[in-house]
Amino acid sequence: MKRRKSQWERLEEKLIFRRPNPRSKPHIPEPEIKTYDYLAPLLQARWDRTRNRRAKP
């Protein structure tokens, strides 16, 4: 069973193991968020295959 810490122990631990306050990240507007289109290369490959088949005599 865990022993309950006294207020002094909690305060002491807080002072010893200080962590900086987490800073929130700056908000980025949606149009500036870079995304990767996973389907684009697959669709491009499909159209390349279709184009190559049609080009063959």
PDB file of N, CA and C in Angstrom:
ATOM      1  N   MET A   1       0.833  -1.171   0.000  1.00  0.00           N
ATOM      2  CA  MET A   1       0.000   0.000   0.000  1.00  0.00           C
ATOM      3  C   MET A   1       0.888   1.249   0.000  1.00  0.00           C
ATOM      4  N   LYS A   2       0.520   2.234  -0.833  1.00  0.00           N
ATOM      5  CA  LYS A   2       1.312   3.450  -0.934  1.00  0.00           C
ATOM      6  C   LYS A   2       1.126   4.333   0.291  1.00  0.00           C
ATOM      7  N   ARG A   3       2.252   4.891   0.749  1.00  0.00           N
ATOM      8  CA  ARG A   3       2.184   5.807   1.878  1.00  0.00           C
ATOM      9  C   ARG A   3       1.800   7.186   1.375  1.00  0.00           C
ATOM     10  N   ARG A   4       0.929   7.834   2.080  1.00  0.00           N
ATOM     11  CA  ARG A   4       0.471   9.159   1.689  1.00  0.00           C
ATOM     12  C   ARG A   4       1.537  10.191   2.042  1.00  0.00           C
ATOM     13  N   LYS A   5       1.825  11.098   1.086  1.00  0.00           N
ATOM     14  CA  LYS A   5       2.852  12.107   1.325  1.00  0.00           C
ATOM     15  C   LYS A   5       2.262  13.295   2.076  1.00  0.00           C
ATOM     16  N   SER A   6       3.086  13.821   2.961  1.00  0.00           N
ATOM     17  CA  SER A   6       2.647  15.012   3.699  1.00  0.00           C
ATOM     18  C   SER A   6       2.783  16.235   2.790  1.00  0.00           C
ATOM     19  N   GLN A   7       2.198  17.332   3.213  1.00  0.00           N
ATOM     20  CA  GLN A   7       2.278  18.559   2.421  1.00  0.00           C
ATOM     21  C   GLN A   7       3.726  19.001   2.263  1.00  0.00           C
ATOM     22  N   TRP A   8       4.504  18.851   3.326  1.00  0.00           N
ATOM     23  CA  TRP A   8       5.905  19.249   3.265  1.00  0.00           C
ATOM     24  C   TRP A   8       6.655  18.412   2.233  1.00  0.00           C
ATOM     25  N   GLU A   9       6.410  17.110   2.216  1.00  0.00           N
ATOM     26  CA  GLU A   9       7.091  16.243   1.251  1.00  0.00           C
ATOM     27  C   GLU A   9       6.731  16.621  -0.186  1.00  0.00           C
ATOM     28  N   ARG A  10       5.458  16.926  -0.404  1.00  0.00           N
ATOM     29  CA  ARG A  10       5.032  17.333  -1.745  1.00  0.00           C
ATOM     30  C   ARG A  10       5.694  18.642  -2.155  1.00  0.00           C
ATOM     31  N   LEU A  11       5.741  19.601  -1.236  1.00  0.00           N
ATOM     32  CA  LEU A  11       6.355  20.891  -1.523  1.00  0.00           C
ATOM     33  C   LEU A  11       7.848  20.723  -1.798  1.00  0.00           C
ATOM     34  N   GLU A  12       8.497  19.920  -0.964  1.00  0.00           N
ATOM     35  CA  GLU A  12       9.923  19.682  -1.120  1.00  0.00           C
ATOM     36  C   GLU A  12      10.217  19.037  -2.476  1.00  0.00           C
ATOM     37  N   GLU A  13       9.423  18.058  -2.846  1.00  0.00           N
ATOM     38  CA  GLU A  13       9.609  17.375  -4.120  1.00  0.00           C
ATOM     39  C   GLU A  13       9.394  18.328  -5.288  1.00  0.00           C
ATOM     40  N   LYS A  14       8.402  19.181  -5.139  1.00  0.00           N
ATOM     41  CA  LYS A  14       8.103  20.151  -6.194  1.00  0.00           C
ATOM     42  C   LYS A  14       9.271  21.115  -6.385  1.00  0.00           C
ATOM     43  N   LEU A  15       9.891  21.540  -5.278  1.00  0.00           N
ATOM     44  CA  LEU A  15      11.007  22.476  -5.367  1.00  0.00           C
ATOM     45  C   LEU A  15      12.266  21.807  -5.916  1.00  0.00           C
ATOM     46  N   ILE A  16      12.481  20.548  -5.578  1.00  0.00           N
ATOM     47  CA  ILE A  16      13.676  19.839  -6.043  1.00  0.00           C
ATOM     48  C   ILE A  16      13.561  19.517  -7.533  1.00  0.00           C
ATOM     49  N   PHE A  17      12.425  18.966  -7.937  1.00  0.00           N
ATOM     50  CA  PHE A  17      12.248  18.522  -9.314  1.00  0.00           C
ATOM     51  C   PHE A  17      11.403  19.520 -10.096  1.00  0.00           C
ATOM     52  N   ARG A  18      11.873  20.738 -10.159  1.00  0.00           N
ATOM     53  CA  ARG A  18      11.131  21.788 -10.869  1.00  0.00           C
ATOM     54  C   ARG A  18      11.164  21.539 -12.368  1.00  0.00           C
ATOM     55  N   ARG A  19      10.035  21.765 -12.994  1.00  0.00           N
ATOM     56  CA  ARG A  19       9.957  21.669 -14.450  1.00  0.00           C
ATOM     57  C   ARG A  19       9.465  23.008 -14.983  1.00  0.00           C
ATOM     58  N   PRO A  20       9.959  23.422 -16.129  1.00  0.00           N
ATOM     59  CA  PRO A  20       9.458  24.677 -16.690  1.00  0.00           C
ATOM     60  C   PRO A  20       7.999  24.519 -17.113  1.00  0.00           C
ATOM     61  N   ASN A  21       7.279  25.612 -17.081  1.00  0.00           N
ATOM     62  CA  ASN A  21       5.886  25.567 -17.508  1.00  0.00           C
ATOM     63  C   ASN A  21       5.823  25.251 -19.000  1.00  0.00           C
ATOM     64  N   PRO A  22       4.946  24.345 -19.371  1.00  0.00           N
ATOM     65  CA  PRO A  22       4.859  24.022 -20.797  1.00  0.00           C
ATOM     66  C   PRO A  22       4.263  25.198 -21.571  1.00  0.00           C
ATOM     67  N   ARG A  23       4.922  25.548 -22.639  1.00  0.00           N
ATOM     68  CA  ARG A  23       4.424  26.647 -23.463  1.00  0.00           C
ATOM     69  C   ARG A  23       3.565  26.067 -24.566  1.00  0.00           C
ATOM     70  N   SER A  24       2.479  26.732 -24.836  1.00  0.00           N
ATOM     71  CA  SER A  24       1.617  26.253 -25.905  1.00  0.00           C
ATOM     72  C   SER A  24       2.244  26.613 -27.251  1.00  0.00           C
ATOM     73  N   LYS A  25       2.040  25.746 -28.218  1.00  0.00           N
ATOM     74  CA  LYS A  25       2.596  25.979 -29.543  1.00  0.00           C
ATOM     75  C   LYS A  25       1.800  27.081 -30.229  1.00  0.00           C
ATOM     76  N   PRO A  26       2.458  27.854 -31.077  1.00  0.00           N
ATOM     77  CA  PRO A  26       1.719  28.898 -31.777  1.00  0.00           C
ATOM     78  C   PRO A  26       0.691  28.285 -32.721  1.00  0.00           C
ATOM     79  N   HIS A  27      -0.457  28.925 -32.808  1.00  0.00           N
ATOM     80  CA  HIS A  27      -1.539  28.423 -33.657  1.00  0.00           C
ATOM     81  C   HIS A  27      -1.204  28.688 -35.123  1.00  0.00           C
ATOM     82  N   ILE A  28      -1.306  27.655 -35.943  1.00  0.00           N
ATOM     83  CA  ILE A  28      -1.045  27.777 -37.374  1.00  0.00           C
ATOM     84  C   ILE A  28      -2.383  27.740 -38.098  1.00  0.00           C
ATOM     85  N   PRO A  29      -2.655  28.731 -38.955  1.00  0.00           N
ATOM     86  CA  PRO A  29      -3.922  28.693 -39.693  1.00  0.00           C
ATOM     87  C   PRO A  29      -3.967  27.496 -40.639  1.00  0.00           C
ATOM     88  N   GLU A  30      -5.162  26.994 -40.879  1.00  0.00           N
ATOM     89  CA  GLU A  30      -5.331  25.777 -41.679  1.00  0.00           C
ATOM     90  C   GLU A  30      -4.675  25.827 -43.053  1.00  0.00           C
ATOM     91  N   PRO A  31      -4.770  26.930 -43.791  1.00  0.00           N
ATOM     92  CA  PRO A  31      -4.144  26.926 -45.128  1.00  0.00           C
ATOM     93  C   PRO A  31      -2.628  26.735 -45.095  1.00  0.00           C
ATOM     94  N   GLU A  32      -1.984  27.042 -43.978  1.00  0.00           N
ATOM     95  CA  GLU A  32      -0.529  26.917 -43.903  1.00  0.00           C
ATOM     96  C   GLU A  32      -0.071  25.528 -43.458  1.00  0.00           C
ATOM     97  N   ILE A  33      -0.988  24.669 -43.067  1.00  0.00           N
ATOM     98  CA  ILE A  33      -0.620  23.330 -42.621  1.00  0.00           C
ATOM     99  C   ILE A  33      -0.295  22.480 -43.840  1.00  0.00           C
ATOM    100  N   LYS A  34       0.919  21.932 -43.853  1.00  0.00           N
ATOM    101  CA  LYS A  34       1.344  21.115 -44.985  1.00  0.00           C
ATOM    102  C   LYS A  34       0.826  19.695 -44.794  1.00  0.00           C
ATOM    103  N   THR A  35       0.206  19.169 -45.815  1.00  0.00           N
ATOM    104  CA  THR A  35      -0.287  17.798 -45.757  1.00  0.00           C
ATOM    105  C   THR A  35       0.299  17.020 -46.928  1.00  0.00           C
ATOM    106  N   TYR A  36       0.291  15.725 -46.817  1.00  0.00           N
ATOM    107  CA  TYR A  36       0.796  14.865 -47.883  1.00  0.00           C
ATOM    108  C   TYR A  36      -0.374  14.107 -48.475  1.00  0.00           C
ATOM    109  N   ASP A  37      -0.513  14.205 -49.784  1.00  0.00           N
ATOM    110  CA  ASP A  37      -1.597  13.531 -50.478  1.00  0.00           C
ATOM    111  C   ASP A  37      -1.142  12.106 -50.804  1.00  0.00           C
ATOM    112  N   TYR A  38      -1.666  11.139 -50.062  1.00  0.00           N
ATOM    113  CA  TYR A  38      -1.239   9.754 -50.231  1.00  0.00           C
ATOM    114  C   TYR A  38      -1.754   9.153 -51.529  1.00  0.00           C
ATOM    115  N   LEU A  39      -2.877   9.624 -52.026  1.00  0.00           N
ATOM    116  CA  LEU A  39      -3.453   9.039 -53.233  1.00  0.00           C
ATOM    117  C   LEU A  39      -2.808   9.554 -54.511  1.00  0.00           C
ATOM    118  N   ALA A  40      -2.225  10.724 -54.486  1.00  0.00           N
ATOM    119  CA  ALA A  40      -1.684  11.328 -55.703  1.00  0.00           C
ATOM    120  C   ALA A  40      -0.691  10.415 -56.430  1.00  0.00           C
ATOM    121  N   PRO A  41       0.319   9.855 -55.758  1.00  0.00           N
ATOM    122  CA  PRO A  41       1.261   8.989 -56.488  1.00  0.00           C
ATOM    123  C   PRO A  41       0.586   7.731 -57.032  1.00  0.00           C
ATOM    124  N   LEU A  42      -0.389   7.198 -56.301  1.00  0.00           N
ATOM    125  CA  LEU A  42      -1.078   5.995 -56.774  1.00  0.00           C
ATOM    126  C   LEU A  42      -1.904   6.301 -58.015  1.00  0.00           C
ATOM    127  N   LEU A  43      -2.637   7.401 -57.983  1.00  0.00           N
ATOM    128  CA  LEU A  43      -3.432   7.783 -59.149  1.00  0.00           C
ATOM    129  C   LEU A  43      -2.531   8.119 -60.333  1.00  0.00           C
ATOM    130  N   GLN A  44      -1.411   8.784 -60.065  1.00  0.00           N
ATOM    131  CA  GLN A  44      -0.474   9.119 -61.141  1.00  0.00           C
ATOM    132  C   GLN A  44       0.068   7.852 -61.786  1.00  0.00           C
ATOM    133  N   ALA A  45       0.406   6.858 -60.980  1.00  0.00           N
ATOM    134  CA  ALA A  45       0.914   5.591 -61.519  1.00  0.00           C
ATOM    135  C   ALA A  45      -0.156   4.908 -62.359  1.00  0.00           C
ATOM    136  N   ARG A  46      -1.397   4.966 -61.911  1.00  0.00           N
ATOM    137  CA  ARG A  46      -2.489   4.343 -62.671  1.00  0.00           C
ATOM    138  C   ARG A  46      -2.641   5.017 -64.030  1.00  0.00           C
ATOM    139  N   TRP A  47      -2.632   6.346 -64.044  1.00  0.00           N
ATOM    140  CA  TRP A  47      -2.778   7.045 -65.320  1.00  0.00           C
ATOM    141  C   TRP A  47      -1.562   6.833 -66.208  1.00  0.00           C
ATOM    142  N   ASP A  48      -0.386   6.717 -65.622  1.00  0.00           N
ATOM    143  CA  ASP A  48       0.817   6.433 -66.420  1.00  0.00           C
ATOM    144  C   ASP A  48       0.697   5.073 -67.097  1.00  0.00           C
ATOM    145  N   ARG A  49       0.204   4.076 -66.357  1.00  0.00           N
ATOM    146  CA  ARG A  49       0.022   2.746 -66.956  1.00  0.00           C
ATOM    147  C   ARG A  49      -0.995   2.801 -68.087  1.00  0.00           C
ATOM    148  N   THR A  50      -2.103   3.506 -67.868  1.00  0.00           N
ATOM    149  CA  THR A  50      -3.139   3.623 -68.897  1.00  0.00           C
ATOM    150  C   THR A  50      -2.576   4.316 -70.132  1.00  0.00           C
ATOM    151  N   ARG A  51      -1.826   5.386 -69.922  1.00  0.00           N
ATOM    152  CA  ARG A  51      -1.244   6.132 -71.032  1.00  0.00           C
ATOM    153  C   ARG A  51      -0.260   5.265 -71.806  1.00  0.00           C
ATOM    154  N   ASN A  52       0.548   4.479 -71.089  1.00  0.00           N
ATOM    155  CA  ASN A  52       1.526   3.606 -71.752  1.00  0.00           C
ATOM    156  C   ASN A  52       0.840   2.517 -72.562  1.00  0.00           C
ATOM    157  N   ARG A  53      -0.251   1.977 -72.057  1.00  0.00           N
ATOM    158  CA  ARG A  53      -0.977   0.938 -72.796  1.00  0.00           C
ATOM    159  C   ARG A  53      -1.572   1.503 -74.084  1.00  0.00           C
ATOM    160  N   ARG A  54      -2.108   2.707 -74.006  1.00  0.00           N
ATOM    161  CA  ARG A  54      -2.721   3.327 -75.187  1.00  0.00           C
ATOM    162  C   ARG A  54      -1.669   3.726 -76.215  1.00  0.00           C
ATOM    163  N   ALA A  55      -0.484   4.078 -75.767  1.00  0.00           N
ATOM    164  CA  ALA A  55       0.561   4.552 -76.674  1.00  0.00           C
ATOM    165  C   ALA A  55       1.184   3.411 -77.468  1.00  0.00           C
ATOM    166  N   LYS A  56       1.120   2.189 -76.952  1.00  0.00           N
ATOM    167  CA  LYS A  56       1.732   1.052 -77.654  1.00  0.00           C
ATOM    168  C   LYS A  56       0.922   0.729 -78.909  1.00  0.00           C
ATOM    169  N   PRO A  57       1.626   0.432 -80.035  1.00  0.00           N
ATOM    170  CA  PRO A  57       0.893   0.125 -81.283  1.00  0.00           C
ATOM    171  C   PRO A  57       0.225  -1.225 -81.290  1.00  0.00           C
TER     172      PRO A  57
END
